[in-house]
Amino acid sequence: MPVTWQQVLLEYQRDWSRKATYDAVMDLVREHSGAYGMGVDYAYTMVHGAPERKA
């Protein structure tokens, strides 16, 4: 069964309490995941109070 790089990345991260890799994974997702990345970016600003990113 084919899988995407996103599925593999998120499976490797799996445990979101892993602080050592959390930020790097989120940076990859926000930069390279299209609409999913935009959703993550939006949620990140709402949950973490981060400033909005500029395009």
PDB file of N, CA and C in Angstrom:
ATOM      1  N   MET A   1       0.840  -1.165   0.000  1.00  0.00           N
ATOM      2  CA  MET A   1       0.000   0.000   0.000  1.00  0.00           C
ATOM      3  C   MET A   1       0.899   1.246   0.000  1.00  0.00           C
ATOM      4  N   PRO A   2       0.728   2.111  -0.978  1.00  0.00           N
ATOM      5  CA  PRO A   2       1.540   3.330  -1.048  1.00  0.00           C
ATOM      6  C   PRO A   2       1.195   4.291   0.097  1.00  0.00           C
ATOM      7  N   VAL A   3       2.195   5.001   0.551  1.00  0.00           N
ATOM      8  CA  VAL A   3       1.995   6.027   1.574  1.00  0.00           C
ATOM      9  C   VAL A   3       2.743   7.283   1.152  1.00  0.00           C
ATOM     10  N   THR A   4       2.354   8.404   1.729  1.00  0.00           N
ATOM     11  CA  THR A   4       3.021   9.665   1.418  1.00  0.00           C
ATOM     12  C   THR A   4       4.109   9.944   2.448  1.00  0.00           C
ATOM     13  N   TRP A   5       4.958  10.909   2.125  1.00  0.00           N
ATOM     14  CA  TRP A   5       6.012  11.283   3.064  1.00  0.00           C
ATOM     15  C   TRP A   5       5.421  11.845   4.346  1.00  0.00           C
ATOM     16  N   GLN A   6       4.236  12.484   4.228  1.00  0.00           N
ATOM     17  CA  GLN A   6       3.595  13.034   5.419  1.00  0.00           C
ATOM     18  C   GLN A   6       3.206  11.924   6.393  1.00  0.00           C
ATOM     19  N   GLN A   7       2.635  10.856   5.864  1.00  0.00           N
ATOM     20  CA  GLN A   7       2.250   9.740   6.724  1.00  0.00           C
ATOM     21  C   GLN A   7       3.461   9.149   7.425  1.00  0.00           C
ATOM     22  N   VAL A   8       4.548   9.010   6.693  1.00  0.00           N
ATOM     23  CA  VAL A   8       5.770   8.456   7.282  1.00  0.00           C
ATOM     24  C   VAL A   8       6.314   9.400   8.355  1.00  0.00           C
ATOM     25  N   LEU A   9       6.388  10.688   8.045  1.00  0.00           N
ATOM     26  CA  LEU A   9       6.893  11.671   9.007  1.00  0.00           C
ATOM     27  C   LEU A   9       6.068  11.670  10.290  1.00  0.00           C
ATOM     28  N   LEU A  10       4.750  11.714  10.149  1.00  0.00           N
ATOM     29  CA  LEU A  10       3.889  11.771  11.328  1.00  0.00           C
ATOM     30  C   LEU A  10       3.923  10.466  12.113  1.00  0.00           C
ATOM     31  N   GLU A  11       4.112   9.351  11.431  1.00  0.00           N
ATOM     32  CA  GLU A  11       4.249   8.071  12.132  1.00  0.00           C
ATOM     33  C   GLU A  11       5.564   8.024  12.906  1.00  0.00           C
ATOM     34  N   TYR A  12       6.632   8.535  12.322  1.00  0.00           N
ATOM     35  CA  TYR A  12       7.904   8.593  13.050  1.00  0.00           C
ATOM     36  C   TYR A  12       7.778   9.474  14.289  1.00  0.00           C
ATOM     37  N   GLN A  13       7.117  10.610  14.152  1.00  0.00           N
ATOM     38  CA  GLN A  13       6.928  11.499  15.303  1.00  0.00           C
ATOM     39  C   GLN A  13       6.018  10.822  16.325  1.00  0.00           C
ATOM     40  N   ARG A  14       4.939  10.307  15.877  1.00  0.00           N
ATOM     41  CA  ARG A  14       3.928   9.554  16.617  1.00  0.00           C
ATOM     42  C   ARG A  14       3.606  10.095  18.005  1.00  0.00           C
ATOM     43  N   ASP A  15       4.573  10.114  18.889  1.00  0.00           N
ATOM     44  CA  ASP A  15       4.359  10.593  20.248  1.00  0.00           C
ATOM     45  C   ASP A  15       4.646  12.096  20.276  1.00  0.00           C
ATOM     46  N   TRP A  16       3.597  12.908  20.324  1.00  0.00           N
ATOM     47  CA  TRP A  16       3.763  14.354  20.210  1.00  0.00           C
ATOM     48  C   TRP A  16       4.332  14.985  21.468  1.00  0.00           C
ATOM     49  N   SER A  17       4.577  14.180  22.491  1.00  0.00           N
ATOM     50  CA  SER A  17       5.246  14.721  23.678  1.00  0.00           C
ATOM     51  C   SER A  17       6.764  14.722  23.510  1.00  0.00           C
ATOM     52  N   ARG A  18       7.257  14.205  22.392  1.00  0.00           N
ATOM     53  CA  ARG A  18       8.701  14.222  22.111  1.00  0.00           C
ATOM     54  C   ARG A  18       9.115  15.644  21.732  1.00  0.00           C
ATOM     55  N   LYS A  19       9.549  16.381  22.709  1.00  0.00           N
ATOM     56  CA  LYS A  19       9.879  17.795  22.490  1.00  0.00           C
ATOM     57  C   LYS A  19      11.099  17.987  21.594  1.00  0.00           C
ATOM     58  N   ALA A  20      12.003  17.022  21.588  1.00  0.00           N
ATOM     59  CA  ALA A  20      13.248  17.165  20.818  1.00  0.00           C
ATOM     60  C   ALA A  20      12.996  17.281  19.321  1.00  0.00           C
ATOM     61  N   THR A  21      11.935  16.660  18.824  1.00  0.00           N
ATOM     62  CA  THR A  21      11.673  16.671  17.380  1.00  0.00           C
ATOM     63  C   THR A  21      10.398  17.421  16.998  1.00  0.00           C
ATOM     64  N   TYR A  22       9.617  17.840  17.968  1.00  0.00           N
ATOM     65  CA  TYR A  22       8.323  18.467  17.692  1.00  0.00           C
ATOM     66  C   TYR A  22       8.447  19.690  16.783  1.00  0.00           C
ATOM     67  N   ASP A  23       9.305  20.628  17.141  1.00  0.00           N
ATOM     68  CA  ASP A  23       9.423  21.871  16.368  1.00  0.00           C
ATOM     69  C   ASP A  23       9.911  21.618  14.946  1.00  0.00           C
ATOM     70  N   ALA A  24      10.866  20.710  14.786  1.00  0.00           N
ATOM     71  CA  ALA A  24      11.379  20.407  13.445  1.00  0.00           C
ATOM     72  C   ALA A  24      10.296  19.782  12.575  1.00  0.00           C
ATOM     73  N   VAL A  25       9.513  18.880  13.147  1.00  0.00           N
ATOM     74  CA  VAL A  25       8.421  18.250  12.394  1.00  0.00           C
ATOM     75  C   VAL A  25       7.382  19.299  12.010  1.00  0.00           C
ATOM     76  N   MET A  26       7.027  20.162  12.952  1.00  0.00           N
ATOM     77  CA  MET A  26       6.033  21.191  12.658  1.00  0.00           C
ATOM     78  C   MET A  26       6.533  22.166  11.596  1.00  0.00           C
ATOM     79  N   ASP A  27       7.810  22.503  11.620  1.00  0.00           N
ATOM     80  CA  ASP A  27       8.373  23.382  10.593  1.00  0.00           C
ATOM     81  C   ASP A  27       8.266  22.740   9.213  1.00  0.00           C
ATOM     82  N   LEU A  28       8.601  21.459   9.113  1.00  0.00           N
ATOM     83  CA  LEU A  28       8.483  20.748   7.831  1.00  0.00           C
ATOM     84  C   LEU A  28       7.043  20.728   7.341  1.00  0.00           C
ATOM     85  N   VAL A  29       6.129  20.420   8.232  1.00  0.00           N
ATOM     86  CA  VAL A  29       4.717  20.335   7.859  1.00  0.00           C
ATOM     87  C   VAL A  29       4.202  21.694   7.406  1.00  0.00           C
ATOM     88  N   ARG A  30       4.503  22.743   8.160  1.00  0.00           N
ATOM     89  CA  ARG A  30       3.991  24.067   7.801  1.00  0.00           C
ATOM     90  C   ARG A  30       4.571  24.569   6.485  1.00  0.00           C
ATOM     91  N   GLU A  31       5.818  24.241   6.195  1.00  0.00           N
ATOM     92  CA  GLU A  31       6.468  24.727   4.972  1.00  0.00           C
ATOM     93  C   GLU A  31       6.113  23.923   3.725  1.00  0.00           C
ATOM     94  N   HIS A  32       5.893  22.620   3.870  1.00  0.00           N
ATOM     95  CA  HIS A  32       5.825  21.756   2.694  1.00  0.00           C
ATOM     96  C   HIS A  32       4.548  20.933   2.558  1.00  0.00           C
ATOM     97  N   SER A  33       3.525  21.213   3.347  1.00  0.00           N
ATOM     98  CA  SER A  33       2.342  20.352   3.326  1.00  0.00           C
ATOM     99  C   SER A  33       1.085  21.015   2.785  1.00  0.00           C
ATOM    100  N   GLY A  34       1.225  22.063   2.027  1.00  0.00           N
ATOM    101  CA  GLY A  34       0.066  22.668   1.378  1.00  0.00           C
ATOM    102  C   GLY A  34      -1.030  23.062   2.351  1.00  0.00           C
ATOM    103  N   ALA A  35      -2.278  22.649   2.031  1.00  0.00           N
ATOM    104  CA  ALA A  35      -3.429  23.019   2.847  1.00  0.00           C
ATOM    105  C   ALA A  35      -3.325  22.463   4.262  1.00  0.00           C
ATOM    106  N   TYR A  36      -2.795  21.255   4.400  1.00  0.00           N
ATOM    107  CA  TYR A  36      -2.611  20.681   5.741  1.00  0.00           C
ATOM    108  C   TYR A  36      -1.644  21.547   6.549  1.00  0.00           C
ATOM    109  N   GLY A  37      -0.585  21.982   5.910  1.00  0.00           N
ATOM    110  CA  GLY A  37       0.382  22.849   6.575  1.00  0.00           C
ATOM    111  C   GLY A  37      -0.228  24.179   6.984  1.00  0.00           C
ATOM    112  N   MET A  38      -1.111  24.705   6.145  1.00  0.00           N
ATOM    113  CA  MET A  38      -1.793  25.955   6.486  1.00  0.00           C
ATOM    114  C   MET A  38      -2.693  25.764   7.701  1.00  0.00           C
ATOM    115  N   GLY A  39      -3.368  24.612   7.764  1.00  0.00           N
ATOM    116  CA  GLY A  39      -4.212  24.307   8.919  1.00  0.00           C
ATOM    117  C   GLY A  39      -3.402  24.175  10.191  1.00  0.00           C
ATOM    118  N   VAL A  40      -2.253  23.530  10.082  1.00  0.00           N
ATOM    119  CA  VAL A  40      -1.362  23.387  11.234  1.00  0.00           C
ATOM    120  C   VAL A  40      -0.854  24.761  11.659  1.00  0.00           C
ATOM    121  N   ASP A  41      -0.511  25.587  10.696  1.00  0.00           N
ATOM    122  CA  ASP A  41      -0.033  26.939  10.993  1.00  0.00           C
ATOM    123  C   ASP A  41      -1.109  27.741  11.720  1.00  0.00           C
ATOM    124  N   TYR A  42      -2.338  27.653  11.244  1.00  0.00           N
ATOM    125  CA  TYR A  42      -3.460  28.350  11.881  1.00  0.00           C
ATOM    126  C   TYR A  42      -3.645  27.865  13.320  1.00  0.00           C
ATOM    127  N   ALA A  43      -3.659  26.542  13.498  1.00  0.00           N
ATOM    128  CA  ALA A  43      -3.831  25.982  14.837  1.00  0.00           C
ATOM    129  C   ALA A  43      -2.675  26.388  15.752  1.00  0.00           C
ATOM    130  N   TYR A  44      -1.474  26.426  15.204  1.00  0.00           N
ATOM    131  CA  TYR A  44      -0.288  26.797  15.989  1.00  0.00           C
ATOM    132  C   TYR A  44      -0.425  28.225  16.513  1.00  0.00           C
ATOM    133  N   THR A  45      -0.965  29.133  15.693  1.00  0.00           N
ATOM    134  CA  THR A  45      -1.139  30.514  16.152  1.00  0.00           C
ATOM    135  C   THR A  45      -2.228  30.603  17.217  1.00  0.00           C
ATOM    136  N   MET A  46      -3.266  29.774  17.103  1.00  0.00           N
ATOM    137  CA  MET A  46      -4.361  29.804  18.072  1.00  0.00           C
ATOM    138  C   MET A  46      -3.959  29.161  19.402  1.00  0.00           C
ATOM    139  N   VAL A  47      -3.290  28.016  19.353  1.00  0.00           N
ATOM    140  CA  VAL A  47      -2.952  27.266  20.565  1.00  0.00           C
ATOM    141  C   VAL A  47      -1.743  27.853  21.280  1.00  0.00           C
ATOM    142  N   HIS A  48      -0.692  28.144  20.520  1.00  0.00           N
ATOM    143  CA  HIS A  48       0.560  28.600  21.122  1.00  0.00           C
ATOM    144  C   HIS A  48       0.678  30.122  21.180  1.00  0.00           C
ATOM    145  N   GLY A  49      -0.272  30.817  20.591  1.00  0.00           N
ATOM    146  CA  GLY A  49      -0.213  32.269  20.587  1.00  0.00           C
ATOM    147  C   GLY A  49       0.920  32.818  19.742  1.00  0.00           C
ATOM    148  N   ALA A  50       1.376  32.006  18.782  1.00  0.00           N
ATOM    149  CA  ALA A  50       2.475  32.422  17.910  1.00  0.00           C
ATOM    150  C   ALA A  50       1.985  33.500  16.944  1.00  0.00           C
ATOM    151  N   PRO A  51       2.865  34.388  16.523  1.00  0.00           N
ATOM    152  CA  PRO A  51       2.457  35.398  15.533  1.00  0.00           C
ATOM    153  C   PRO A  51       2.177  34.747  14.185  1.00  0.00           C
ATOM    154  N   GLU A  52       1.306  35.374  13.404  1.00  0.00           N
ATOM    155  CA  GLU A  52       1.006  34.858  12.068  1.00  0.00           C
ATOM    156  C   GLU A  52       2.244  34.936  11.196  1.00  0.00           C
ATOM    157  N   ARG A  53       2.423  33.902  10.363  1.00  0.00           N
ATOM    158  CA  ARG A  53       3.541  33.916   9.423  1.00  0.00           C
ATOM    159  C   ARG A  53       3.131  34.720   8.202  1.00  0.00           C
ATOM    160  N   LYS A  54       4.074  35.387   7.617  1.00  0.00           N
ATOM    161  CA  LYS A  54       3.836  36.133   6.376  1.00  0.00           C
ATOM    162  C   LYS A  54       4.237  35.267   5.199  1.00  0.00           C
ATOM    163  N   ALA A  55       3.513  35.373   4.115  1.00  0.00           N
ATOM    164  CA  ALA A  55       3.788  34.554   2.924  1.00  0.00           C
ATOM    165  C   ALA A  55       5.074  34.924   2.252  1.00  0.00           C
TER     166      ALA A  55
END
